[in-house]
Amino acid sequence: MRDHGRGGDWPTRRQVLRGGLGGAALLGSAPFLGACGPGESAAGKSERVTFAGNGGALQKAQEKAYLAPYMREHPNVKIVQDVGSTDYSRIEAMVKSGNVTWDLVDVGGDFGTGEHEALLEPLDCRLIACTAGEGGTPYRVPLHRYASVMGYRTDKIPNPPKTWAEWFDLGAYPGKRAFFRVSGPTGIYESALLADGVPIDKLFPLDVDRAFRKLDSIRSSLIWAPSPTDTVRLLADGEVALASVFSSQAYAMAKDGAKIGVVWNEYGLGSDYLVIPKGAKNKDAAMKLAAYMTDAEHNAQLSNIYPVAPGHPEARPDESAATYGFLPSGKGGASFAYDSLYYATNQKMLAQRLNEWLKK
C-alpha cells in the first residue's frame, strides 16, 4: 500500500483492498464494537483485543464477517479497532519502545517473513492453522487472497485480450492502459514479463530490466493511477480501455453499473496475513481471535460479502453470494502467486527503479 503504509516511499498493494468498495465511512480511531463494560461478564473474565487494519470497505467487511460475530459468541471479549494504515514502521517502533498497542494486525505479503519475524510473536500453531494456506508460517497466518487481473470496458472491447501479450499489443487493442503506480505485488513487472514471453512459472526472481524494456514499448499509452480505486475509475469513466486492476475494485464498480469486465487468465494471486506484534499486551486473546478468523469454518464469511478469496484452502464461499463471480478462486485459467519473500527483500530496489523509470 505506501500507501499500504509499509513505511518508506513504497506504496504497496494493500491499498487496493483498503480503498475497497469506494468511500465507505470509516469507523473512528479505535472504536469499541461491543457494549460489554469493564470487569467480569456472565461469560467469564473480560478480555480485550485491539485489531489493526487499513480501514475502508475491507475493514468494515471484516467487522461484519468476523469481529461482530466473534463478540456475539464471546460476550466477555471486547474488540477495539484501529484503522487507517498498518504501517510496518509503526510495528517496529512499538516493539522497540516496548509500548505495543496493537494485538492483532492485518498485513500484506511483503511482511512477516525473514528479518520481520524478530518483530512478531510466534503463533500457537496448535490453535491456529498457521501453514494451511499460501505463505503461512509460525509467525503469520493467511487471512484472505486477492487477485490482480486484466480489466476492460465491455462496451468498447467485445473481445478482450486473453493474455498479457495481447494486452500489450497496441495494434490489436489501441488506446490507453492504466496501472496502479506502486512497486509492490500488483502485477506491473509480472504482466510485462509475461507479455515478453517469460513462462508463468519462471517469473521469480523478477528480471526487472526486461520488464522495463517491455514497458517502454507502451510507455506513451500508459496512465499511472495514484491508487487502486483511481485505477479502476479510469476504466469505469472510459479514460482507458484496459487496465490492470484488482478484482475487488472491479466488483465494486461493476456493482454500481460500470461497464467493466475482467479476464481470469494470467492473473496474480497475493495474500493478506494476520500477525501478532512482539510484546502484544493481549497476546492470548489475539491468538483466539486469529484462530477464529482463519479457520476453515469461519474464514469464508468475508468472501461472502467482500470479493476476496479465503486464505484457508478448505474454507468454502457461498456460490450464491453476489461476490462469488469476482473471487480469485476456482476461475480456471493460468495464474501465478506473488513471491512475498522476494518483495519483502527487494522493496527499496523496486521502488527506486520504478521512480527512475517514470522520470525518464
Protein backbone atom coordinates (compact mmCIF):
# COMPACT_ATOMS: atom_id res chain seq x y z
CA MET A 1 0.00 0.00 0.00
CA ARG A 2 2.61 3.38 0.67
CA ASP A 3 0.04 3.54 0.81
CA HIS A 4 -0.04 0.18 2.26
CA GLY A 5 1.53 2.01 4.88
CA ARG A 6 4.56 -0.18 4.78
CA GLY A 7 6.92 2.53 5.72
CA GLY A 8 9.32 4.27 3.39
CA ASP A 9 8.30 5.50 -0.04
CA TRP A 10 6.96 2.28 -1.47
CA PRO A 11 3.16 2.30 -1.81
CA THR A 12 2.12 -1.31 -1.53
CA ARG A 13 -0.69 -3.37 -2.92
CA ARG A 14 -2.80 -3.35 0.19
CA GLN A 15 -4.43 -0.03 -0.54
CA VAL A 16 -6.11 -1.72 -3.30
CA LEU A 17 -8.12 -3.65 -0.94
CA ARG A 18 -8.15 -0.98 1.70
CA GLY A 19 -9.54 1.64 -0.58
CA GLY A 20 -12.10 -1.01 -1.05
CA LEU A 21 -15.55 -0.60 -2.43
CA GLY A 22 -15.28 3.12 -2.67
CA GLY A 23 -15.56 5.60 0.12
CA ALA A 24 -17.26 3.61 2.84
CA ALA A 25 -17.32 5.65 6.02
CA LEU A 26 -14.57 4.61 8.37
CA LEU A 27 -15.02 3.80 11.99
CA GLY A 28 -13.44 6.33 14.28
CA SER A 29 -9.98 5.63 15.59
CA ALA A 30 -10.08 2.68 17.94
CA PRO A 31 -13.87 2.47 18.39
CA PHE A 32 -15.46 -0.13 20.65
CA LEU A 33 -17.54 -2.63 18.79
CA GLY A 34 -19.14 -4.18 21.84
CA ALA A 35 -21.30 -2.85 24.61
CA CYS A 36 -19.57 -5.02 27.15
CA GLY A 37 -18.48 -2.96 30.15
CA PRO A 38 -15.33 -3.37 32.20
CA GLY A 39 -14.99 -6.14 34.72
CA GLU A 40 -16.50 -9.60 34.76
CA SER A 41 -19.28 -10.69 32.42
CA ALA A 42 -21.61 -13.62 32.56
CA ALA A 43 -19.28 -15.42 30.18
CA GLY A 44 -16.26 -15.05 32.46
CA LYS A 45 -13.26 -12.78 32.75
CA SER A 46 -13.37 -9.91 30.27
CA GLU A 47 -10.77 -9.78 27.50
CA ARG A 48 -9.80 -7.02 25.12
CA VAL A 49 -8.16 -7.23 21.69
CA THR A 50 -7.01 -4.33 19.53
CA PHE A 51 -7.31 -5.23 15.85
CA ALA A 52 -5.42 -3.03 13.39
CA GLY A 53 -6.48 -2.92 9.75
CA ASN A 54 -6.27 -0.42 6.93
CA GLY A 55 -9.78 0.97 7.07
CA GLY A 56 -12.10 1.38 4.12
CA ALA A 57 -14.70 -1.07 2.93
CA LEU A 58 -12.46 -4.04 3.62
CA GLN A 59 -12.17 -3.39 7.33
CA LYS A 60 -15.87 -2.67 7.60
CA ALA A 61 -16.47 -6.03 5.92
CA GLN A 62 -14.03 -7.68 8.34
CA GLU A 63 -16.01 -6.21 11.20
CA LYS A 64 -19.23 -7.64 9.82
CA ALA A 65 -17.76 -11.02 8.87
CA TYR A 66 -15.54 -11.70 11.87
CA LEU A 67 -15.35 -9.19 14.68
CA ALA A 68 -19.01 -8.62 15.46
CA PRO A 69 -19.92 -12.34 15.24
CA TYR A 70 -16.97 -13.24 17.43
CA MET A 71 -18.10 -10.85 20.14
CA ARG A 72 -21.63 -12.19 19.97
CA GLU A 73 -20.26 -15.67 20.53
CA HIS A 74 -17.85 -14.46 23.22
CA PRO A 75 -19.65 -11.73 25.18
CA ASN A 76 -16.68 -11.37 27.55
CA VAL A 77 -14.48 -10.18 24.67
CA LYS A 78 -14.25 -6.53 23.65
CA ILE A 79 -12.61 -5.85 20.29
CA VAL A 80 -11.20 -2.40 19.61
CA GLN A 81 -10.30 -1.36 16.09
CA ASP A 82 -7.51 0.87 14.90
CA VAL A 83 -7.91 1.93 11.29
CA GLY A 84 -6.08 3.75 8.57
CA SER A 85 -2.77 2.00 7.96
CA THR A 86 -0.94 -0.94 9.43
CA ASP A 87 2.37 0.79 8.80
CA TYR A 88 5.25 -1.61 9.27
CA SER A 89 7.39 1.16 10.69
CA ARG A 90 4.79 1.61 13.43
CA ILE A 91 5.03 -2.06 14.35
CA GLU A 92 8.80 -1.78 14.54
CA ALA A 93 8.61 1.39 16.64
CA MET A 94 6.11 -0.18 19.05
CA VAL A 95 8.22 -3.27 19.54
CA LYS A 96 11.46 -1.35 20.03
CA SER A 97 9.87 1.05 22.50
CA GLY A 98 8.17 -1.73 24.45
CA ASN A 99 4.83 0.06 24.08
CA VAL A 100 2.84 -2.25 21.81
CA THR A 101 -0.75 -1.03 21.39
CA TRP A 102 -1.82 -3.44 18.62
CA ASP A 103 -2.64 -7.06 19.40
CA LEU A 104 -3.64 -8.45 16.01
CA VAL A 105 -2.65 -6.86 12.70
CA ASP A 106 -3.69 -7.42 9.07
CA VAL A 107 -0.55 -7.15 6.92
CA GLY A 108 0.40 -7.76 3.31
CA GLY A 109 2.54 -10.49 1.83
CA ASP A 110 5.60 -8.26 1.99
CA PHE A 111 5.69 -8.51 5.79
CA GLY A 112 6.04 -11.25 8.36
CA THR A 113 8.89 -13.33 6.97
CA GLY A 114 12.66 -13.26 7.28
CA GLU A 115 14.01 -10.45 9.44
CA HIS A 116 10.46 -9.28 10.24
CA GLU A 117 9.95 -12.34 12.43
CA ALA A 118 12.01 -10.64 15.14
CA LEU A 119 9.14 -8.14 15.46
CA LEU A 120 6.46 -10.79 15.92
CA GLU A 121 5.17 -13.27 18.44
CA PRO A 122 5.33 -16.90 17.33
CA LEU A 123 1.79 -18.15 16.76
CA ASP A 124 0.29 -21.04 18.69
CA CYS A 125 0.05 -23.43 15.76
CA ARG A 126 -1.84 -25.96 17.90
CA LEU A 127 -4.67 -23.43 17.93
CA ILE A 128 -4.13 -21.68 14.61
CA ALA A 129 -3.79 -23.34 11.21
CA CYS A 130 -0.56 -21.43 10.65
CA THR A 131 0.66 -23.11 7.50
CA ALA A 132 -2.61 -24.33 5.96
CA GLY A 133 -2.68 -21.58 3.32
CA GLU A 134 -0.29 -19.94 0.87
CA GLY A 135 2.71 -18.36 2.58
CA GLY A 136 1.70 -19.23 6.13
CA THR A 137 4.46 -19.63 8.73
CA PRO A 138 4.66 -19.94 12.51
CA TYR A 139 4.67 -16.11 12.54
CA ARG A 140 1.83 -15.26 10.16
CA VAL A 141 -1.39 -16.97 9.14
CA PRO A 142 -3.14 -16.40 5.79
CA LEU A 143 -6.33 -14.36 6.11
CA HIS A 144 -7.52 -13.84 2.55
CA ARG A 145 -6.33 -13.84 -1.06
CA TYR A 146 -6.70 -11.13 -3.67
CA ALA A 147 -6.15 -11.06 -7.43
CA SER A 148 -4.74 -8.61 -9.93
CA VAL A 149 -6.45 -9.13 -13.29
CA MET A 150 -6.90 -7.66 -16.73
CA GLY A 151 -9.84 -5.29 -16.69
CA TYR A 152 -11.57 -3.93 -19.78
CA ARG A 153 -14.52 -1.83 -20.94
CA THR A 154 -17.25 -4.21 -22.04
CA ASP A 155 -18.81 -1.60 -24.34
CA LYS A 156 -15.55 -0.80 -26.13
CA ILE A 157 -13.89 -4.22 -26.26
CA PRO A 158 -16.34 -7.04 -27.02
CA ASN A 159 -13.45 -9.49 -27.46
CA PRO A 160 -10.98 -8.65 -24.70
CA PRO A 161 -7.34 -9.73 -24.61
CA LYS A 162 -6.84 -13.17 -23.12
CA THR A 163 -3.13 -12.81 -22.40
CA TRP A 164 -0.81 -10.03 -21.31
CA ALA A 165 0.92 -10.27 -24.69
CA GLU A 166 -2.39 -9.27 -26.28
CA TRP A 167 -2.96 -6.59 -23.62
CA PHE A 168 0.39 -5.02 -24.60
CA ASP A 169 -0.44 -5.17 -28.33
CA LEU A 170 -1.32 -1.59 -29.30
CA GLY A 171 -2.19 -2.63 -32.85
CA ALA A 172 -4.81 -5.15 -31.79
CA TYR A 173 -6.06 -3.06 -28.88
CA PRO A 174 -5.40 0.65 -29.43
CA GLY A 175 -5.98 3.14 -26.65
CA LYS A 176 -4.77 3.99 -23.21
CA ARG A 177 -3.98 1.49 -20.45
CA ALA A 178 -3.74 2.05 -16.70
CA PHE A 179 -1.58 0.68 -13.93
CA PHE A 180 -1.63 1.40 -10.22
CA ARG A 181 1.58 3.32 -9.56
CA VAL A 182 3.04 1.05 -6.92
CA SER A 183 6.13 -1.12 -6.94
CA GLY A 184 4.68 -3.87 -4.78
CA PRO A 185 2.90 -7.11 -5.70
CA THR A 186 0.33 -5.54 -8.02
CA GLY A 187 1.33 -7.01 -11.38
CA ILE A 188 3.33 -4.31 -13.15
CA TYR A 189 6.51 -6.34 -13.56
CA GLU A 190 4.82 -9.70 -13.94
CA SER A 191 2.46 -8.54 -16.68
CA ALA A 192 5.34 -7.06 -18.66
CA LEU A 193 7.41 -10.22 -18.32
CA LEU A 194 4.51 -12.45 -19.31
CA ALA A 195 3.88 -10.20 -22.32
CA ASP A 196 7.54 -10.60 -23.26
CA GLY A 197 7.35 -14.37 -23.21
CA VAL A 198 8.57 -15.35 -19.76
CA PRO A 199 6.86 -18.61 -18.68
CA ILE A 200 4.33 -18.06 -15.92
CA ASP A 201 6.17 -20.46 -13.61
CA LYS A 202 9.52 -18.71 -14.17
CA LEU A 203 8.65 -15.15 -13.14
CA PHE A 204 10.68 -15.02 -9.93
CA PRO A 205 13.16 -13.65 -9.27
CA LEU A 206 11.91 -10.80 -11.43
CA ASP A 207 14.02 -9.73 -14.39
CA VAL A 208 13.42 -6.05 -13.70
CA ASP A 209 15.48 -4.79 -16.64
CA ARG A 210 13.50 -6.94 -19.05
CA ALA A 211 10.21 -5.79 -17.53
CA PHE A 212 11.06 -2.12 -18.03
CA ARG A 213 12.16 -2.75 -21.62
CA LYS A 214 8.73 -4.21 -22.31
CA LEU A 215 7.00 -1.33 -20.53
CA ASP A 216 9.00 1.02 -22.77
CA SER A 217 7.10 -0.42 -25.75
CA ILE A 218 3.78 1.01 -24.49
CA ARG A 219 5.07 3.92 -22.40
CA SER A 220 3.13 6.57 -24.36
CA SER A 221 -0.13 4.67 -23.85
CA LEU A 222 0.17 4.24 -20.09
CA ILE A 223 -1.61 6.22 -17.40
CA TRP A 224 -0.33 5.73 -13.85
CA ALA A 225 -3.05 5.97 -11.23
CA PRO A 226 -2.25 7.07 -7.65
CA SER A 227 -4.50 4.46 -6.00
CA PRO A 228 -6.28 1.20 -6.78
CA THR A 229 -9.63 2.98 -6.74
CA ASP A 230 -8.38 5.55 -9.22
CA THR A 231 -7.06 2.80 -11.49
CA VAL A 232 -10.42 1.14 -11.89
CA ARG A 233 -12.19 4.51 -12.00
CA LEU A 234 -10.18 5.43 -15.10
CA LEU A 235 -11.65 2.31 -16.66
CA ALA A 236 -15.18 2.99 -15.43
CA ASP A 237 -15.06 6.58 -16.71
CA GLY A 238 -13.84 5.49 -20.14
CA GLU A 239 -10.50 7.30 -19.91
CA VAL A 240 -8.75 4.00 -20.61
CA ALA A 241 -9.93 0.90 -22.43
CA LEU A 242 -7.75 -1.54 -20.50
CA ALA A 243 -6.30 -1.60 -17.00
CA SER A 244 -4.53 -3.86 -14.57
CA VAL A 245 -6.96 -3.93 -11.64
CA PHE A 246 -7.81 -5.79 -8.51
CA SER A 247 -10.87 -7.99 -8.84
CA SER A 248 -12.34 -6.48 -5.67
CA GLN A 249 -12.20 -3.00 -7.17
CA ALA A 250 -13.72 -4.20 -10.43
CA TYR A 251 -16.55 -5.80 -8.46
CA ALA A 252 -17.26 -2.50 -6.73
CA MET A 253 -17.54 -0.56 -9.97
CA ALA A 254 -19.49 -3.25 -11.81
CA LYS A 255 -21.88 -3.46 -8.87
CA ASP A 256 -22.55 0.25 -9.33
CA GLY A 257 -23.30 -0.20 -13.03
CA ALA A 258 -19.93 0.43 -14.66
CA LYS A 259 -19.35 -1.43 -17.93
CA ILE A 260 -16.33 -3.34 -16.67
CA GLY A 261 -15.30 -6.93 -17.21
CA VAL A 262 -12.29 -8.91 -16.05
CA VAL A 263 -10.23 -11.69 -17.62
CA TRP A 264 -9.38 -14.66 -15.44
CA ASN A 265 -6.16 -15.70 -17.14
CA GLU A 266 -2.54 -14.93 -16.25
CA TYR A 267 -3.75 -13.27 -13.09
CA GLY A 268 -1.68 -12.73 -9.98
CA LEU A 269 -2.62 -14.03 -6.56
CA GLY A 270 -1.47 -12.42 -3.34
CA SER A 271 -2.41 -12.81 0.30
CA ASP A 272 -3.01 -10.83 3.43
CA TYR A 273 -1.96 -12.27 6.78
CA LEU A 274 -2.61 -11.88 10.48
CA VAL A 275 0.35 -11.27 12.78
CA ILE A 276 0.79 -10.52 16.48
CA PRO A 277 3.44 -7.89 17.30
CA LYS A 278 6.07 -8.97 19.79
CA GLY A 279 5.08 -7.79 23.25
CA ALA A 280 1.36 -7.51 22.47
CA LYS A 281 -0.47 -6.88 25.73
CA ASN A 282 -3.33 -9.26 24.90
CA LYS A 283 -1.44 -11.99 23.10
CA ASP A 284 -3.55 -14.94 24.23
CA ALA A 285 -6.84 -13.25 23.33
CA ALA A 286 -5.37 -12.26 19.96
CA MET A 287 -4.41 -15.88 19.30
CA LYS A 288 -8.00 -16.97 19.85
CA LEU A 289 -9.39 -14.29 17.56
CA ALA A 290 -6.82 -15.11 14.86
CA ALA A 291 -7.80 -18.78 15.07
CA TYR A 292 -11.47 -17.88 14.59
CA MET A 293 -10.86 -15.55 11.63
CA THR A 294 -8.67 -18.03 9.77
CA ASP A 295 -10.16 -21.45 10.42
CA ALA A 296 -11.97 -23.43 7.74
CA GLU A 297 -15.36 -22.87 9.38
CA HIS A 298 -15.31 -19.06 9.57
CA ASN A 299 -12.71 -17.84 7.09
CA ALA A 300 -15.07 -17.70 4.07
CA GLN A 301 -17.50 -15.38 5.87
CA LEU A 302 -15.58 -12.39 4.50
CA SER A 303 -15.68 -13.73 0.94
CA ASN A 304 -19.47 -13.83 1.05
CA ILE A 305 -19.67 -10.05 1.46
CA TYR A 306 -16.37 -8.78 0.05
CA PRO A 307 -14.67 -10.13 -3.09
CA VAL A 308 -11.50 -11.68 -1.71
CA ALA A 309 -10.93 -15.42 -1.52
CA PRO A 310 -10.42 -17.31 1.74
CA GLY A 311 -6.88 -17.78 2.99
CA HIS A 312 -7.68 -21.26 4.31
CA PRO A 313 -7.76 -23.79 1.45
CA GLU A 314 -10.69 -25.71 2.96
CA ALA A 315 -12.94 -22.68 3.53
CA ARG A 316 -15.82 -22.64 1.06
CA PRO A 317 -17.53 -19.40 -0.01
CA ASP A 318 -21.24 -19.31 -0.78
CA GLU A 319 -21.63 -19.77 -4.53
CA SER A 320 -24.89 -17.84 -4.46
CA ALA A 321 -23.26 -14.72 -2.98
CA ALA A 322 -23.07 -11.65 -5.23
CA THR A 323 -19.30 -11.56 -4.72
CA TYR A 324 -18.68 -15.09 -5.95
CA GLY A 325 -18.04 -14.26 -9.60
CA PHE A 326 -15.24 -11.86 -8.62
CA LEU A 327 -13.46 -14.12 -6.13
CA PRO A 328 -9.91 -15.07 -7.09
CA SER A 329 -10.53 -18.80 -6.74
CA GLY A 330 -11.91 -21.58 -8.87
CA LYS A 331 -11.68 -19.49 -12.04
CA GLY A 332 -9.53 -21.73 -14.20
CA GLY A 333 -7.05 -20.04 -16.50
CA ALA A 334 -3.38 -19.62 -15.71
CA SER A 335 -2.32 -17.83 -12.56
CA PHE A 336 0.80 -17.11 -10.54
CA ALA A 337 1.44 -16.39 -6.88
CA TYR A 338 3.29 -13.26 -5.90
CA ASP A 339 6.56 -14.16 -4.20
CA SER A 340 6.10 -12.36 -0.89
CA LEU A 341 9.66 -13.07 0.28
CA TYR A 342 11.06 -11.60 -2.93
CA TYR A 343 9.00 -8.43 -2.49
CA ALA A 344 9.84 -8.13 1.19
CA THR A 345 13.54 -8.40 0.37
CA ASN A 346 13.53 -6.05 -2.63
CA GLN A 347 11.07 -3.32 -1.63
CA LYS A 348 13.50 -0.41 -1.80
CA MET A 349 15.18 -1.50 -5.01
CA LEU A 350 11.87 -1.92 -6.84
CA ALA A 351 10.57 1.45 -5.65
CA GLN A 352 13.75 3.19 -6.77
CA ARG A 353 13.73 1.52 -10.18
CA LEU A 354 10.09 2.41 -10.84
CA ASN A 355 10.58 6.02 -9.78
CA GLU A 356 13.66 6.34 -12.00
CA TRP A 357 11.82 4.85 -14.98
CA LEU A 358 8.83 7.16 -14.55
CA LYS A 359 11.12 10.20 -14.53
CA LYS A 360 12.71 9.38 -17.87
